[in-house]
Amino acid sequence: MTVCLGILHVHSFKITCQLIIKSTLYLYVIYHWFHLIKIIQMC
């Protein structure tokens, strides 16, 4: 029983990690896009 709960906990932890990594990457990309657009507009 505890083994099943442990596996579920690890699985949800992995999903949470993936979500955090994906959202961080998206924010990073968006942030850089805004900077590129600003630089292009200044030219």
Protein backbone atom coordinates (compact mmCIF):
# COMPACT_ATOMS: atom_id res chain seq x y z
CA MET A 1 0.00 0.00 0.00
CA THR A 2 2.75 2.48 0.96
CA VAL A 3 4.73 1.40 -2.12
CA CYS A 4 1.77 2.34 -4.37
CA LEU A 5 1.44 5.71 -2.64
CA GLY A 6 5.18 6.27 -3.00
CA ILE A 7 5.04 5.52 -6.75
CA LEU A 8 2.09 7.91 -7.15
CA HIS A 9 3.94 10.60 -5.21
CA VAL A 10 7.08 10.23 -7.38
CA HIS A 11 4.94 10.25 -10.56
CA SER A 12 3.12 13.47 -9.59
CA PHE A 13 6.47 14.99 -8.59
CA LYS A 14 7.87 14.21 -12.06
CA ILE A 15 4.81 15.80 -13.72
CA THR A 16 5.19 18.90 -11.53
CA CYS A 17 8.89 19.14 -12.44
CA GLN A 18 8.06 18.86 -16.15
CA LEU A 19 5.42 21.60 -15.84
CA ILE A 20 7.83 23.90 -14.00
CA ILE A 21 10.57 23.31 -16.62
CA LYS A 22 8.14 23.88 -19.52
CA SER A 23 6.65 27.07 -18.06
CA THR A 24 10.15 28.39 -17.26
CA LEU A 25 11.26 27.73 -20.84
CA TYR A 26 8.15 29.43 -22.24
CA LEU A 27 8.70 32.50 -20.05
CA TYR A 28 12.37 32.59 -21.07
CA VAL A 29 11.49 32.43 -24.78
CA ILE A 30 8.74 35.08 -24.47
CA TYR A 31 11.08 37.36 -22.50
CA HIS A 32 13.75 37.11 -25.19
CA TRP A 33 11.20 37.66 -27.97
CA PHE A 34 10.15 40.93 -26.35
CA HIS A 35 13.77 42.04 -26.21
CA LEU A 36 14.32 41.14 -29.87
CA ILE A 37 11.18 43.07 -30.90
CA LYS A 38 12.33 46.13 -28.92
CA ILE A 39 15.80 46.00 -30.54
CA ILE A 40 14.25 45.65 -34.03
CA GLN A 41 11.90 48.61 -33.38
CA MET A 42 14.84 50.77 -32.24
CA CYS A 43 16.74 50.17 -35.50
